[in-house]
Protein backbone atom coordinates (compact mmCIF):
# COMPACT_ATOMS: atom_id res chain seq x y z
CA MET A 1 -65.26 -151.51 136.99
CA ILE A 2 -61.22 -151.75 137.69
CA SER A 3 -60.37 -154.94 138.93
CA ALA A 4 -57.25 -156.49 140.22
CA THR A 5 -56.06 -159.40 141.72
CA GLU A 6 -55.62 -160.44 145.37
CA THR A 7 -51.96 -159.33 145.16
CA PRO A 8 -51.47 -155.67 146.13
CA ILE A 9 -51.24 -153.48 143.11
CA ARG A 10 -49.44 -150.34 143.26
CA TYR A 11 -50.77 -149.25 139.47
CA LEU A 12 -54.34 -150.10 138.08
CA PRO A 13 -54.66 -149.81 134.01
CA THR A 14 -57.12 -147.46 132.74
CA TRP A 15 -59.21 -147.65 129.30
CA ASP A 16 -58.34 -150.63 127.25
CA ARG A 17 -55.34 -151.66 129.18
CA LEU A 18 -54.07 -154.63 130.92
CA LEU A 19 -51.59 -155.25 133.80
CA VAL A 20 -49.64 -158.12 133.18
CA ARG A 21 -46.85 -160.21 134.83
CA CYS A 22 -44.20 -161.63 132.51
CA LYS A 23 -43.63 -165.39 132.78
CA ASP A 24 -39.90 -166.45 132.79
CA THR A 25 -39.15 -166.98 129.11
CA THR A 26 -35.33 -166.64 128.65
CA ARG A 27 -35.09 -170.73 128.92
CA ARG A 28 -36.51 -172.57 125.99
CA GLU A 29 -37.50 -175.93 126.14
CA SER A 30 -34.16 -176.98 124.52
CA GLY A 31 -32.43 -175.81 127.41
CA LEU A 32 -31.11 -172.63 125.69
CA TYR A 33 -31.22 -169.24 127.51
CA LEU A 34 -31.90 -166.11 125.40
CA PRO A 35 -31.01 -162.88 126.61
CA ALA A 36 -33.44 -160.46 128.17
CA SER A 37 -32.88 -157.78 125.48
CA PHE A 38 -33.75 -160.59 122.96
CA LYS A 39 -36.01 -158.46 120.35
CA GLY A 40 -39.41 -159.93 118.52
CA GLN A 41 -39.45 -162.36 121.55
CA VAL A 42 -43.33 -163.66 122.27
CA CYS A 43 -43.99 -163.65 125.57
CA GLU A 44 -46.67 -165.16 127.97
CA GLY A 45 -48.37 -163.45 130.83
CA ASP A 46 -50.94 -163.47 133.78
CA VAL A 47 -53.52 -160.76 133.47
CA ILE A 48 -53.37 -159.25 137.14
CA ALA A 49 -55.58 -156.18 136.74
CA VAL A 50 -57.85 -154.78 133.77
CA GLY A 51 -59.05 -151.32 132.91
CA PRO A 52 -62.91 -150.91 132.31
CA GLY A 53 -62.29 -151.02 128.35
CA ARG A 54 -62.86 -147.93 125.89
CA ILE A 55 -65.33 -145.55 125.03
CA GLU A 56 -66.96 -146.10 121.63
CA ASN A 57 -69.83 -144.00 120.14
CA GLY A 58 -70.80 -143.05 123.73
CA GLN A 59 -70.64 -146.58 125.02
CA ARG A 60 -68.11 -148.60 127.18
CA VAL A 61 -66.57 -151.61 124.99
CA ASP A 62 -65.48 -154.56 127.25
CA HIS A 63 -62.16 -155.69 125.91
CA GLY A 64 -62.86 -159.38 127.15
CA PHE A 65 -59.90 -160.03 129.17
CA LYS A 66 -60.61 -160.54 133.00
CA VAL A 67 -57.85 -161.02 135.79
CA GLY A 68 -56.32 -164.87 135.92
CA ASP A 69 -56.35 -165.17 131.89
CA VAL A 70 -53.07 -165.94 130.39
CA VAL A 71 -52.33 -164.28 127.37
CA VAL A 72 -49.35 -164.26 124.51
CA PHE A 73 -47.78 -160.94 123.51
CA SER A 74 -44.90 -159.36 121.97
CA ASN A 75 -42.10 -158.64 124.53
CA GLU A 76 -41.67 -154.93 122.70
CA ALA A 77 -45.72 -154.12 123.14
CA VAL A 78 -45.00 -154.19 127.22
CA LEU A 79 -44.67 -150.90 129.02
CA PRO A 80 -42.98 -152.14 132.11
CA LEU A 81 -43.68 -150.61 135.17
CA ASP A 82 -40.45 -149.84 137.62
CA ASP A 83 -37.29 -151.45 138.97
CA GLU A 84 -39.69 -152.71 141.82
CA ALA A 85 -41.95 -154.59 139.56
CA PRO A 86 -39.37 -155.82 136.48
CA ASP A 87 -42.02 -158.66 135.72
CA GLN A 88 -45.00 -156.52 135.47
CA GLY A 89 -45.84 -154.05 132.92
CA PHE A 90 -48.85 -152.53 130.90
CA LEU A 91 -50.26 -153.90 127.53
CA ALA A 92 -52.77 -152.40 125.47
CA ALA A 93 -55.51 -155.12 124.73
CA GLY A 94 -55.16 -154.89 121.18
CA ALA A 95 -51.62 -156.01 121.44
CA VAL A 96 -52.78 -159.30 122.80
CA LEU A 97 -51.95 -162.39 119.94
CA ALA A 98 -53.45 -164.94 121.67
CA LEU A 99 -55.35 -165.94 125.04
CA ARG A 100 -54.32 -169.40 126.37
CA ALA A 101 -57.75 -172.05 126.42
CA GLN A 102 -58.74 -172.98 129.76
CA GLY A 103 -58.60 -176.45 130.35
């Protein structure tokens, strides 16, 4: 089952894809601002919609992510949606580097 946040979403991910809202990472703790085109940048984002998982040997395999999770990923792994939602994009579940611990 595809699930999404309370916020209206125009697109829902399929298979093992996540829809993430990237957090602003252009300003570092040191106060240094990095250009948006900075390659290889590790980003953090909120999962706002999840696909149902992939099919393997005829069985659905859950990817383990849920709406509200905070994930870490490379900015190069995100496929941006459009100009109306520049902070949102699709991300393959396998491209997630880390899941932020709750608490």
